[in-house]
């Protein structure tokens, strides 16, 4: 699912430059490279959550945004019900919203919210 969508009015270069999946892929590769149990594009009944990182005591539910606020990512996690299947695992659930800026090509904002079981 991490592929730029074709659009008849944009060049491939423009699509790639403004593509959230580019940043998403970098996060995935970095976490996987250091040996963490990360899954991306996890299908849920109301969509796909961008990434989930499960550790012994914690579950990080991550949503990525491009040129939008990190708080909007946290809000999406809640509205789409991405957390429901992880609350009963006996682990602390941490929502992580990460916003990337397409101009500076870097993280521009991030937010967290911890759900205690």
PDB file of N, CA and C in Angstrom:
ATOM      1  N   UNK A   1       0.802  -1.203   0.000  1.00  0.00           N
ATOM      2  CA  UNK A   1       0.000   0.000   0.000  1.00  0.00           C
ATOM      3  C   UNK A   1       0.848   1.272   0.000  1.00  0.00           C
ATOM      4  N   UNK A   2       2.142   1.140   0.226  1.00  0.00           N
ATOM      5  CA  UNK A   2       2.995   2.324   0.300  1.00  0.00           C
ATOM      6  C   UNK A   2       3.534   2.693  -1.077  1.00  0.00           C
ATOM      7  N   UNK A   3       2.653   3.094  -1.944  1.00  0.00           N
ATOM      8  CA  UNK A   3       3.024   3.505  -3.284  1.00  0.00           C
ATOM      9  C   UNK A   3       2.296   4.801  -3.602  1.00  0.00           C
ATOM     10  N   UNK A   4       2.977   5.723  -4.335  1.00  0.00           N
ATOM     11  CA  UNK A   4       2.271   6.959  -4.686  1.00  0.00           C
ATOM     12  C   UNK A   4       1.125   6.657  -5.636  1.00  0.00           C
ATOM     13  N   UNK A   5       0.028   7.372  -5.446  1.00  0.00           N
ATOM     14  CA  UNK A   5      -1.132   7.191  -6.309  1.00  0.00           C
ATOM     15  C   UNK A   5      -0.933   7.980  -7.595  1.00  0.00           C
ATOM     16  N   UNK A   6      -1.269   7.387  -8.709  1.00  0.00           N
ATOM     17  CA  UNK A   6      -1.167   8.093  -9.985  1.00  0.00           C
ATOM     18  C   UNK A   6      -2.289   9.107 -10.100  1.00  0.00           C
ATOM     19  N   UNK A   7      -1.958  10.253 -10.582  1.00  0.00           N
ATOM     20  CA  UNK A   7      -2.928  11.317 -10.798  1.00  0.00           C
ATOM     21  C   UNK A   7      -2.627  11.923 -12.161  1.00  0.00           C
ATOM     22  N   UNK A   8      -3.600  12.031 -13.041  1.00  0.00           N
ATOM     23  CA  UNK A   8      -3.331  12.462 -14.418  1.00  0.00           C
ATOM     24  C   UNK A   8      -2.799  13.887 -14.538  1.00  0.00           C
ATOM     25  N   UNK A   9      -2.966  14.732 -13.526  1.00  0.00           N
ATOM     26  CA  UNK A   9      -2.547  16.129 -13.642  1.00  0.00           C
ATOM     27  C   UNK A   9      -1.205  16.428 -12.981  1.00  0.00           C
ATOM     28  N   UNK A  10      -0.528  15.432 -12.479  1.00  0.00           N
ATOM     29  CA  UNK A  10       0.743  15.666 -11.797  1.00  0.00           C
ATOM     30  C   UNK A  10       1.827  14.767 -12.378  1.00  0.00           C
ATOM     31  N   UNK A  11       3.035  15.295 -12.418  1.00  0.00           N
ATOM     32  CA  UNK A  11       4.167  14.484 -12.853  1.00  0.00           C
ATOM     33  C   UNK A  11       4.556  13.521 -11.743  1.00  0.00           C
ATOM     34  N   UNK A  12       5.285  12.483 -12.070  1.00  0.00           N
ATOM     35  CA  UNK A  12       5.742  11.528 -11.051  1.00  0.00           C
ATOM     36  C   UNK A  12       6.613  12.218 -10.012  1.00  0.00           C
ATOM     37  N   UNK A  13       7.436  13.173 -10.431  1.00  0.00           N
ATOM     38  CA  UNK A  13       8.298  13.884  -9.489  1.00  0.00           C
ATOM     39  C   UNK A  13       7.469  14.672  -8.479  1.00  0.00           C
ATOM     40  N   UNK A  14       6.426  15.329  -8.941  1.00  0.00           N
ATOM     41  CA  UNK A  14       5.561  16.097  -8.041  1.00  0.00           C
ATOM     42  C   UNK A  14       4.818  15.178  -7.087  1.00  0.00           C
ATOM     43  N   UNK A  15       4.367  14.033  -7.587  1.00  0.00           N
ATOM     44  CA  UNK A  15       3.685  13.071  -6.727  1.00  0.00           C
ATOM     45  C   UNK A  15       4.608  12.590  -5.623  1.00  0.00           C
ATOM     46  N   UNK A  16       5.841  12.258  -5.982  1.00  0.00           N
ATOM     47  CA  UNK A  16       6.779  11.726  -5.007  1.00  0.00           C
ATOM     48  C   UNK A  16       7.183  12.787  -3.983  1.00  0.00           C
ATOM     49  N   UNK A  17       7.326  14.025  -4.439  1.00  0.00           N
ATOM     50  CA  UNK A  17       7.740  15.098  -3.536  1.00  0.00           C
ATOM     51  C   UNK A  17       6.708  15.353  -2.444  1.00  0.00           C
ATOM     52  N   UNK A  18       5.460  15.117  -2.722  1.00  0.00           N
ATOM     53  CA  UNK A  18       4.393  15.383  -1.753  1.00  0.00           C
ATOM     54  C   UNK A  18       3.740  14.084  -1.294  1.00  0.00           C
ATOM     55  N   UNK A  19       4.527  13.057  -1.102  1.00  0.00           N
ATOM     56  CA  UNK A  19       3.994  11.744  -0.796  1.00  0.00           C
ATOM     57  C   UNK A  19       4.326  11.338   0.637  1.00  0.00           C
ATOM     58  N   UNK A  20       3.307  11.192   1.441  1.00  0.00           N
ATOM     59  CA  UNK A  20       3.466  10.803   2.836  1.00  0.00           C
ATOM     60  C   UNK A  20       4.171   9.450   2.974  1.00  0.00           C
ATOM     61  N   UNK A  21       3.909   8.550   2.049  1.00  0.00           N
ATOM     62  CA  UNK A  21       4.488   7.209   2.103  1.00  0.00           C
ATOM     63  C   UNK A  21       6.007   7.185   2.059  1.00  0.00           C
ATOM     64  N   UNK A  22       6.609   8.194   1.449  1.00  0.00           N
ATOM     65  CA  UNK A  22       8.067   8.283   1.414  1.00  0.00           C
ATOM     66  C   UNK A  22       8.610   8.340   2.838  1.00  0.00           C
ATOM     67  N   UNK A  23       8.057   9.234   3.650  1.00  0.00           N
ATOM     68  CA  UNK A  23       8.491   9.394   5.034  1.00  0.00           C
ATOM     69  C   UNK A  23       8.106   8.167   5.863  1.00  0.00           C
ATOM     70  N   UNK A  24       6.943   7.653   5.605  1.00  0.00           N
ATOM     71  CA  UNK A  24       6.442   6.451   6.264  1.00  0.00           C
ATOM     72  C   UNK A  24       7.428   5.295   6.065  1.00  0.00           C
ATOM     73  N   UNK A  25       7.907   5.137   4.854  1.00  0.00           N
ATOM     74  CA  UNK A  25       8.853   4.065   4.524  1.00  0.00           C
ATOM     75  C   UNK A  25      10.160   4.196   5.286  1.00  0.00           C
ATOM     76  N   UNK A  26      10.628   5.423   5.436  1.00  0.00           N
ATOM     77  CA  UNK A  26      11.880   5.654   6.159  1.00  0.00           C
ATOM     78  C   UNK A  26      11.729   5.257   7.621  1.00  0.00           C
ATOM     79  N   UNK A  27      10.616   5.627   8.245  1.00  0.00           N
ATOM     80  CA  UNK A  27      10.364   5.258   9.638  1.00  0.00           C
ATOM     81  C   UNK A  27      10.323   3.739   9.770  1.00  0.00           C
ATOM     82  N   UNK A  28       9.610   3.078   8.865  1.00  0.00           N
ATOM     83  CA  UNK A  28       9.501   1.615   8.907  1.00  0.00           C
ATOM     84  C   UNK A  28      10.873   0.950   8.800  1.00  0.00           C
ATOM     85  N   UNK A  29      11.661   1.359   7.830  1.00  0.00           N
ATOM     86  CA  UNK A  29      12.975   0.741   7.614  1.00  0.00           C
ATOM     87  C   UNK A  29      13.881   0.960   8.822  1.00  0.00           C
ATOM     88  N   UNK A  30      13.866   2.157   9.386  1.00  0.00           N
ATOM     89  CA  UNK A  30      14.706   2.449  10.549  1.00  0.00           C
ATOM     90  C   UNK A  30      14.331   1.561  11.734  1.00  0.00           C
ATOM     91  N   UNK A  31      13.036   1.441  12.013  1.00  0.00           N
ATOM     92  CA  UNK A  31      12.599   0.611  13.142  1.00  0.00           C
ATOM     93  C   UNK A  31      12.874  -0.866  12.897  1.00  0.00           C
ATOM     94  N   UNK A  32      12.637  -1.328  11.685  1.00  0.00           N
ATOM     95  CA  UNK A  32      12.879  -2.731  11.349  1.00  0.00           C
ATOM     96  C   UNK A  32      14.370  -3.054  11.405  1.00  0.00           C
ATOM     97  N   UNK A  33      15.193  -2.123  10.934  1.00  0.00           N
ATOM     98  CA  UNK A  33      16.635  -2.312  10.894  1.00  0.00           C
ATOM     99  C   UNK A  33      17.226  -2.533  12.284  1.00  0.00           C
ATOM    100  N   UNK A  34      16.670  -1.858  13.292  1.00  0.00           N
ATOM    101  CA  UNK A  34      17.202  -2.040  14.644  1.00  0.00           C
ATOM    102  C   UNK A  34      16.528  -3.206  15.368  1.00  0.00           C
ATOM    103  N   UNK A  35      15.747  -3.978  14.632  1.00  0.00           N
ATOM    104  CA  UNK A  35      15.207  -5.222  15.160  1.00  0.00           C
ATOM    105  C   UNK A  35      13.887  -5.131  15.904  1.00  0.00           C
ATOM    106  N   UNK A  36      13.159  -4.046  15.717  1.00  0.00           N
ATOM    107  CA  UNK A  36      11.889  -3.904  16.427  1.00  0.00           C
ATOM    108  C   UNK A  36      10.743  -4.546  15.650  1.00  0.00           C
ATOM    109  N   UNK A  37       9.714  -4.952  16.388  1.00  0.00           N
ATOM    110  CA  UNK A  37       8.534  -5.592  15.808  1.00  0.00           C
ATOM    111  C   UNK A  37       7.552  -4.515  15.355  1.00  0.00           C
ATOM    112  N   UNK A  38       7.727  -4.030  14.133  1.00  0.00           N
ATOM    113  CA  UNK A  38       6.880  -2.966  13.597  1.00  0.00           C
ATOM    114  C   UNK A  38       6.090  -3.512  12.414  1.00  0.00           C
ATOM    115  N   UNK A  39       4.832  -3.116  12.333  1.00  0.00           N
ATOM    116  CA  UNK A  39       3.973  -3.479  11.204  1.00  0.00           C
ATOM    117  C   UNK A  39       3.399  -2.200  10.630  1.00  0.00           C
ATOM    118  N   UNK A  40       3.283  -2.155   9.314  1.00  0.00           N
ATOM    119  CA  UNK A  40       2.744  -0.963   8.648  1.00  0.00           C
ATOM    120  C   UNK A  40       1.484  -1.298   7.873  1.00  0.00           C
ATOM    121  N   UNK A  41       0.663  -0.252   7.697  1.00  0.00           N
ATOM    122  CA  UNK A  41      -0.566  -0.364   6.925  1.00  0.00           C
ATOM    123  C   UNK A  41      -1.432  -1.519   7.430  1.00  0.00           C
ATOM    124  N   UNK A  42      -1.644  -1.556   8.735  1.00  0.00           N
ATOM    125  CA  UNK A  42      -2.421  -2.615   9.377  1.00  0.00           C
ATOM    126  C   UNK A  42      -3.906  -2.359   9.126  1.00  0.00           C
ATOM    127  N   UNK A  43      -4.557  -3.302   8.460  1.00  0.00           N
ATOM    128  CA  UNK A  43      -5.969  -3.138   8.090  1.00  0.00           C
ATOM    129  C   UNK A  43      -6.864  -3.227   9.320  1.00  0.00           C
ATOM    130  N   UNK A  44      -7.736  -2.245   9.434  1.00  0.00           N
ATOM    131  CA  UNK A  44      -8.747  -2.196  10.481  1.00  0.00           C
ATOM    132  C   UNK A  44     -10.098  -2.013   9.808  1.00  0.00           C
ATOM    133  N   UNK A  45     -11.179  -2.124  10.567  1.00  0.00           N
ATOM    134  CA  UNK A  45     -12.511  -2.057   9.966  1.00  0.00           C
ATOM    135  C   UNK A  45     -12.841  -0.682   9.391  1.00  0.00           C
ATOM    136  N   UNK A  46     -12.161   0.379   9.825  1.00  0.00           N
ATOM    137  CA  UNK A  46     -12.437   1.722   9.305  1.00  0.00           C
ATOM    138  C   UNK A  46     -11.257   2.311   8.541  1.00  0.00           C
ATOM    139  N   UNK A  47     -10.322   1.490   8.137  1.00  0.00           N
ATOM    140  CA  UNK A  47      -9.166   2.008   7.401  1.00  0.00           C
ATOM    141  C   UNK A  47      -7.914   1.235   7.745  1.00  0.00           C
ATOM    142  N   UNK A  48      -6.772   1.861   7.514  1.00  0.00           N
ATOM    143  CA  UNK A  48      -5.492   1.238   7.824  1.00  0.00           C
ATOM    144  C   UNK A  48      -4.683   2.171   8.706  1.00  0.00           C
ATOM    145  N   UNK A  49      -4.213   1.630   9.829  1.00  0.00           N
ATOM    146  CA  UNK A  49      -3.347   2.441  10.669  1.00  0.00           C
ATOM    147  C   UNK A  49      -1.952   2.410  10.072  1.00  0.00           C
ATOM    148  N   UNK A  50      -1.261   3.521  10.162  1.00  0.00           N
ATOM    149  CA  UNK A  50       0.026   3.644   9.475  1.00  0.00           C
ATOM    150  C   UNK A  50       1.070   2.684  10.014  1.00  0.00           C
ATOM    151  N   UNK A  51       1.215   2.613  11.324  1.00  0.00           N
ATOM    152  CA  UNK A  51       2.226   1.710  11.883  1.00  0.00           C
ATOM    153  C   UNK A  51       1.894   1.387  13.327  1.00  0.00           C
ATOM    154  N   UNK A  52       2.324   0.199  13.728  1.00  0.00           N
ATOM    155  CA  UNK A  52       2.202  -0.222  15.116  1.00  0.00           C
ATOM    156  C   UNK A  52       3.526  -0.858  15.519  1.00  0.00           C
ATOM    157  N   UNK A  53       4.014  -0.443  16.664  1.00  0.00           N
ATOM    158  CA  UNK A  53       5.256  -0.969  17.216  1.00  0.00           C
ATOM    159  C   UNK A  53       4.909  -1.603  18.549  1.00  0.00           C
ATOM    160  N   UNK A  54       5.128  -2.904  18.661  1.00  0.00           N
ATOM    161  CA  UNK A  54       4.779  -3.606  19.894  1.00  0.00           C
ATOM    162  C   UNK A  54       6.050  -4.062  20.601  1.00  0.00           C
ATOM    163  N   UNK A  55       6.178  -3.606  21.850  1.00  0.00           N
ATOM    164  CA  UNK A  55       7.303  -3.972  22.706  1.00  0.00           C
ATOM    165  C   UNK A  55       6.770  -4.787  23.882  1.00  0.00           C
ATOM    166  N   UNK A  56       7.645  -5.217  24.775  1.00  0.00           N
ATOM    167  CA  UNK A  56       7.213  -6.033  25.905  1.00  0.00           C
ATOM    168  C   UNK A  56       6.164  -5.347  26.778  1.00  0.00           C
ATOM    169  N   UNK A  57       6.355  -4.065  27.054  1.00  0.00           N
ATOM    170  CA  UNK A  57       5.449  -3.357  27.959  1.00  0.00           C
ATOM    171  C   UNK A  57       4.598  -2.285  27.285  1.00  0.00           C
ATOM    172  N   UNK A  58       4.911  -1.962  26.031  1.00  0.00           N
ATOM    173  CA  UNK A  58       4.251  -0.848  25.353  1.00  0.00           C
ATOM    174  C   UNK A  58       3.787  -1.229  23.954  1.00  0.00           C
ATOM    175  N   UNK A  59       2.730  -0.561  23.531  1.00  0.00           N
ATOM    176  CA  UNK A  59       2.280  -0.635  22.140  1.00  0.00           C
ATOM    177  C   UNK A  59       2.184   0.810  21.645  1.00  0.00           C
ATOM    178  N   UNK A  60       2.914   1.102  20.588  1.00  0.00           N
ATOM    179  CA  UNK A  60       2.876   2.425  19.970  1.00  0.00           C
ATOM    180  C   UNK A  60       2.022   2.340  18.716  1.00  0.00           C
ATOM    181  N   UNK A  61       0.958   3.125  18.687  1.00  0.00           N
ATOM    182  CA  UNK A  61       0.113   3.209  17.502  1.00  0.00           C
ATOM    183  C   UNK A  61       0.445   4.530  16.829  1.00  0.00           C
ATOM    184  N   UNK A  62       0.963   4.438  15.590  1.00  0.00           N
ATOM    185  CA  UNK A  62       1.483   5.619  14.908  1.00  0.00           C
ATOM    186  C   UNK A  62       0.649   5.994  13.686  1.00  0.00           C
ATOM    187  N   UNK A  63       0.438   7.276  13.563  1.00  0.00           N
ATOM    188  CA  UNK A  63      -0.227   7.823  12.384  1.00  0.00           C
ATOM    189  C   UNK A  63       0.654   8.949  11.859  1.00  0.00           C
ATOM    190  N   UNK A  64       0.900   8.944  10.559  1.00  0.00           N
ATOM    191  CA  UNK A  64       1.757   9.935   9.923  1.00  0.00           C
ATOM    192  C   UNK A  64       0.918  10.895   9.100  1.00  0.00           C
ATOM    193  N   UNK A  65       1.326  12.164   9.102  1.00  0.00           N
ATOM    194  CA  UNK A  65       0.658  13.197   8.311  1.00  0.00           C
ATOM    195  C   UNK A  65       1.708  13.973   7.529  1.00  0.00           C
ATOM    196  N   UNK A  66       1.325  14.440   6.375  1.00  0.00           N
ATOM    197  CA  UNK A  66       2.185  15.290   5.565  1.00  0.00           C
ATOM    198  C   UNK A  66       1.551  16.677   5.506  1.00  0.00           C
ATOM    199  N   UNK A  67       2.287  17.657   5.995  1.00  0.00           N
ATOM    200  CA  UNK A  67       1.841  19.055   5.985  1.00  0.00           C
ATOM    201  C   UNK A  67       0.533  19.267   6.743  1.00  0.00           C
ATOM    202  N   UNK A  68       0.312  18.459   7.766  1.00  0.00           N
ATOM    203  CA  UNK A  68      -0.835  18.618   8.667  1.00  0.00           C
ATOM    204  C   UNK A  68      -0.319  18.474  10.089  1.00  0.00           C
ATOM    205  N   UNK A  69      -1.138  18.780  11.053  1.00  0.00           N
ATOM    206  CA  UNK A  69      -0.687  18.742  12.448  1.00  0.00           C
ATOM    207  C   UNK A  69      -0.587  17.319  12.984  1.00  0.00           C
ATOM    208  N   UNK A  70       0.315  17.147  13.931  1.00  0.00           N
ATOM    209  CA  UNK A  70       0.447  15.860  14.611  1.00  0.00           C
ATOM    210  C   UNK A  70      -0.803  15.558  15.429  1.00  0.00           C
ATOM    211  N   UNK A  71      -1.451  16.588  15.954  1.00  0.00           N
ATOM    212  CA  UNK A  71      -2.685  16.378  16.709  1.00  0.00           C
ATOM    213  C   UNK A  71      -3.798  15.824  15.825  1.00  0.00           C
ATOM    214  N   UNK A  72      -3.802  16.191  14.547  1.00  0.00           N
ATOM    215  CA  UNK A  72      -4.812  15.620  13.638  1.00  0.00           C
ATOM    216  C   UNK A  72      -4.566  14.124  13.443  1.00  0.00           C
ATOM    217  N   UNK A  73      -3.324  13.708  13.539  1.00  0.00           N
ATOM    218  CA  UNK A  73      -2.998  12.283  13.448  1.00  0.00           C
ATOM    219  C   UNK A  73      -3.529  11.532  14.670  1.00  0.00           C
ATOM    220  N   UNK A  74      -3.336  12.114  15.858  1.00  0.00           N
ATOM    221  CA  UNK A  74      -3.859  11.511  17.092  1.00  0.00           C
ATOM    222  C   UNK A  74      -5.380  11.416  17.008  1.00  0.00           C
ATOM    223  N   UNK A  75      -5.997  12.463  16.531  1.00  0.00           N
ATOM    224  CA  UNK A  75      -7.455  12.486  16.395  1.00  0.00           C
ATOM    225  C   UNK A  75      -7.934  11.384  15.452  1.00  0.00           C
ATOM    226  N   UNK A  76      -7.225  11.174  14.356  1.00  0.00           N
ATOM    227  CA  UNK A  76      -7.599  10.127  13.410  1.00  0.00           C
ATOM    228  C   UNK A  76      -7.504   8.745  14.049  1.00  0.00           C
ATOM    229  N   UNK A  77      -6.473   8.511  14.830  1.00  0.00           N
ATOM    230  CA  UNK A  77      -6.335   7.227  15.519  1.00  0.00           C
ATOM    231  C   UNK A  77      -7.574   6.955  16.370  1.00  0.00           C
ATOM    232  N   UNK A  78      -8.018   7.975  17.090  1.00  0.00           N
ATOM    233  CA  UNK A  78      -9.183   7.828  17.960  1.00  0.00           C
ATOM    234  C   UNK A  78     -10.472   7.664  17.159  1.00  0.00           C
ATOM    235  N   UNK A  79     -10.679   8.528  16.173  1.00  0.00           N
ATOM    236  CA  UNK A  79     -11.921   8.504  15.400  1.00  0.00           C
ATOM    237  C   UNK A  79     -12.096   7.212  14.605  1.00  0.00           C
ATOM    238  N   UNK A  80     -11.012   6.669  14.122  1.00  0.00           N
ATOM    239  CA  UNK A  80     -11.086   5.456  13.309  1.00  0.00           C
ATOM    240  C   UNK A  80     -11.105   4.180  14.161  1.00  0.00           C
ATOM    241  N   UNK A  81     -10.964   4.320  15.464  1.00  0.00           N
ATOM    242  CA  UNK A  81     -11.021   3.162  16.350  1.00  0.00           C
ATOM    243  C   UNK A  81      -9.821   2.242  16.234  1.00  0.00           C
ATOM    244  N   UNK A  82      -8.671   2.779  15.844  1.00  0.00           N
ATOM    245  CA  UNK A  82      -7.475   1.958  15.673  1.00  0.00           C
ATOM    246  C   UNK A  82      -6.982   1.340  16.971  1.00  0.00           C
ATOM    247  N   UNK A  83      -7.352   1.920  18.110  1.00  0.00           N
ATOM    248  CA  UNK A  83      -6.829   1.467  19.398  1.00  0.00           C
ATOM    249  C   UNK A  83      -7.591   0.297  20.003  1.00  0.00           C
ATOM    250  N   UNK A  84      -8.805   0.078  19.554  1.00  0.00           N
ATOM    251  CA  UNK A  84      -9.706  -0.860  20.229  1.00  0.00           C
ATOM    252  C   UNK A  84      -9.130  -2.265  20.415  1.00  0.00           C
ATOM    253  N   UNK A  85      -8.488  -2.809  19.420  1.00  0.00           N
ATOM    254  CA  UNK A  85      -8.003  -4.188  19.519  1.00  0.00           C
ATOM    255  C   UNK A  85      -6.714  -4.316  20.335  1.00  0.00           C
ATOM    256  N   UNK A  86      -6.165  -3.212  20.802  1.00  0.00           N
ATOM    257  CA  UNK A  86      -4.901  -3.267  21.544  1.00  0.00           C
ATOM    258  C   UNK A  86      -5.060  -2.960  23.028  1.00  0.00           C
ATOM    259  N   UNK A  87      -6.226  -2.516  23.438  1.00  0.00           N
ATOM    260  CA  UNK A  87      -6.426  -2.101  24.825  1.00  0.00           C
ATOM    261  C   UNK A  87      -6.445  -3.262  25.811  1.00  0.00           C
ATOM    262  N   UNK A  88      -6.768  -4.440  25.361  1.00  0.00           N
ATOM    263  CA  UNK A  88      -6.890  -5.592  26.261  1.00  0.00           C
ATOM    264  C   UNK A  88      -5.636  -6.451  26.310  1.00  0.00           C
ATOM    265  N   UNK A  89      -4.528  -5.968  25.818  1.00  0.00           N
ATOM    266  CA  UNK A  89      -3.296  -6.748  25.805  1.00  0.00           C
ATOM    267  C   UNK A  89      -2.483  -6.619  27.083  1.00  0.00           C
ATOM    268  N   UNK A  90      -2.932  -5.776  28.012  1.00  0.00           N
ATOM    269  CA  UNK A  90      -2.212  -5.611  29.268  1.00  0.00           C
ATOM    270  C   UNK A  90      -0.945  -4.786  29.137  1.00  0.00           C
ATOM    271  N   UNK A  91      -0.854  -3.992  28.086  1.00  0.00           N
ATOM    272  CA  UNK A  91       0.314  -3.150  27.866  1.00  0.00           C
ATOM    273  C   UNK A  91      -0.134  -1.693  27.827  1.00  0.00           C
ATOM    274  N   UNK A  92       0.806  -0.804  28.101  1.00  0.00           N
ATOM    275  CA  UNK A  92       0.508   0.619  27.986  1.00  0.00           C
ATOM    276  C   UNK A  92       0.441   0.969  26.497  1.00  0.00           C
ATOM    277  N   UNK A  93      -0.630   1.637  26.092  1.00  0.00           N
ATOM    278  CA  UNK A  93      -0.827   2.011  24.687  1.00  0.00           C
ATOM    279  C   UNK A  93      -0.490   3.491  24.532  1.00  0.00           C
ATOM    280  N   UNK A  94       0.412   3.765  23.605  1.00  0.00           N
ATOM    281  CA  UNK A  94       0.856   5.136  23.353  1.00  0.00           C
ATOM    282  C   UNK A  94       0.499   5.503  21.919  1.00  0.00           C
ATOM    283  N   UNK A  95      -0.289   6.554  21.777  1.00  0.00           N
ATOM    284  CA  UNK A  95      -0.641   7.069  20.465  1.00  0.00           C
ATOM    285  C   UNK A  95       0.455   8.057  20.065  1.00  0.00           C
ATOM    286  N   UNK A  96       0.934   7.930  18.834  1.00  0.00           N
ATOM    287  CA  UNK A  96       2.017   8.784  18.360  1.00  0.00           C
ATOM    288  C   UNK A  96       1.648   9.356  17.003  1.00  0.00           C
ATOM    289  N   UNK A  97       1.485  10.666  16.952  1.00  0.00           N
ATOM    290  CA  UNK A  97       1.220  11.365  15.702  1.00  0.00           C
ATOM    291  C   UNK A  97       2.491  12.055  15.250  1.00  0.00           C
ATOM    292  N   UNK A  98       2.876  11.830  14.009  1.00  0.00           N
ATOM    293  CA  UNK A  98       4.089  12.448  13.466  1.00  0.00           C
ATOM    294  C   UNK A  98       3.718  13.188  12.191  1.00  0.00           C
ATOM    295  N   UNK A  99       4.086  14.457  12.152  1.00  0.00           N
ATOM    296  CA  UNK A  99       3.822  15.282  10.982  1.00  0.00           C
ATOM    297  C   UNK A  99       5.129  15.563  10.258  1.00  0.00           C
ATOM    298  N   UNK A 100       5.119  15.334   8.952  1.00  0.00           N
ATOM    299  CA  UNK A 100       6.280  15.619   8.108  1.00  0.00           C
ATOM    300  C   UNK A 100       5.984  16.860   7.277  1.00  0.00           C
ATOM    301  N   UNK A 101       7.013  17.636   7.020  1.00  0.00           N
ATOM    302  CA  UNK A 101       6.892  18.843   6.214  1.00  0.00           C
ATOM    303  C   UNK A 101       7.502  18.564   4.847  1.00  0.00           C
ATOM    304  N   UNK A 102       6.702  18.712   3.792  1.00  0.00           N
ATOM    305  CA  UNK A 102       7.183  18.397   2.442  1.00  0.00           C
ATOM    306  C   UNK A 102       8.215  19.404   1.935  1.00  0.00           C
ATOM    307  N   UNK A 103       8.263  20.592   2.531  1.00  0.00           N
ATOM    308  CA  UNK A 103       9.224  21.604   2.096  1.00  0.00           C
ATOM    309  C   UNK A 103      10.604  21.355   2.683  1.00  0.00           C
ATOM    310  N   UNK A 104      10.647  21.126   4.010  1.00  0.00           N
ATOM    311  CA  UNK A 104      11.942  20.911   4.660  1.00  0.00           C
ATOM    312  C   UNK A 104      12.365  19.445   4.665  1.00  0.00           C
ATOM    313  N   UNK A 105      11.447  18.558   4.250  1.00  0.00           N
ATOM    314  CA  UNK A 105      11.718  17.113   4.168  1.00  0.00           C
ATOM    315  C   UNK A 105      12.167  16.541   5.519  1.00  0.00           C
ATOM    316  N   UNK A 106      11.394  16.897   6.553  1.00  0.00           N
ATOM    317  CA  UNK A 106      11.750  16.467   7.886  1.00  0.00           C
ATOM    318  C   UNK A 106      10.508  16.468   8.770  1.00  0.00           C
ATOM    319  N   UNK A 107      10.657  15.951   9.982  1.00  0.00           N
ATOM    320  CA  UNK A 107       9.567  16.003  10.957  1.00  0.00           C
ATOM    321  C   UNK A 107       9.364  17.456  11.361  1.00  0.00           C
ATOM    322  N   UNK A 108       8.117  17.912  11.303  1.00  0.00           N
ATOM    323  CA  UNK A 108       7.821  19.287  11.691  1.00  0.00           C
ATOM    324  C   UNK A 108       7.056  19.355  13.013  1.00  0.00           C
ATOM    325  N   UNK A 109       6.429  18.243  13.412  1.00  0.00           N
ATOM    326  CA  UNK A 109       5.602  18.248  14.609  1.00  0.00           C
ATOM    327  C   UNK A 109       5.370  16.810  15.028  1.00  0.00           C
ATOM    328  N   UNK A 110       5.242  16.580  16.327  1.00  0.00           N
ATOM    329  CA  UNK A 110       4.855  15.269  16.813  1.00  0.00           C
ATOM    330  C   UNK A 110       4.094  15.429  18.117  1.00  0.00           C
ATOM    331  N   UNK A 111       3.233  14.462  18.381  1.00  0.00           N
ATOM    332  CA  UNK A 111       2.399  14.499  19.591  1.00  0.00           C
ATOM    333  C   UNK A 111       2.199  13.077  20.093  1.00  0.00           C
ATOM    334  N   UNK A 112       2.057  12.944  21.391  1.00  0.00           N
ATOM    335  CA  UNK A 112       1.784  11.637  21.981  1.00  0.00           C
ATOM    336  C   UNK A 112       0.631  11.741  22.953  1.00  0.00           C
ATOM    337  N   UNK A 113      -0.001  10.608  23.152  1.00  0.00           N
ATOM    338  CA  UNK A 113      -1.034  10.494  24.192  1.00  0.00           C
ATOM    339  C   UNK A 113      -0.956   9.080  24.729  1.00  0.00           C
ATOM    340  N   UNK A 114      -0.887   8.943  26.028  1.00  0.00           N
ATOM    341  CA  UNK A 114      -0.757   7.640  26.664  1.00  0.00           C
ATOM    342  C   UNK A 114      -2.098   7.204  27.227  1.00  0.00           C
ATOM    343  N   UNK A 115      -2.464   5.965  26.927  1.00  0.00           N
ATOM    344  CA  UNK A 115      -3.685   5.372  27.459  1.00  0.00           C
ATOM    345  C   UNK A 115      -3.284   4.328  28.480  1.00  0.00           C
ATOM    346  N   UNK A 116      -3.673   4.520  29.712  1.00  0.00           N
ATOM    347  CA  UNK A 116      -3.338   3.563  30.753  1.00  0.00           C
ATOM    348  C   UNK A 116      -4.428   2.529  30.883  1.00  0.00           C
ATOM    349  N   UNK A 117      -4.035   1.279  30.987  1.00  0.00           N
ATOM    350  CA  UNK A 117      -4.997   0.185  31.148  1.00  0.00           C
ATOM    351  C   UNK A 117      -5.251  -0.075  32.621  1.00  0.00           C
TER     352      UNK A 117
END
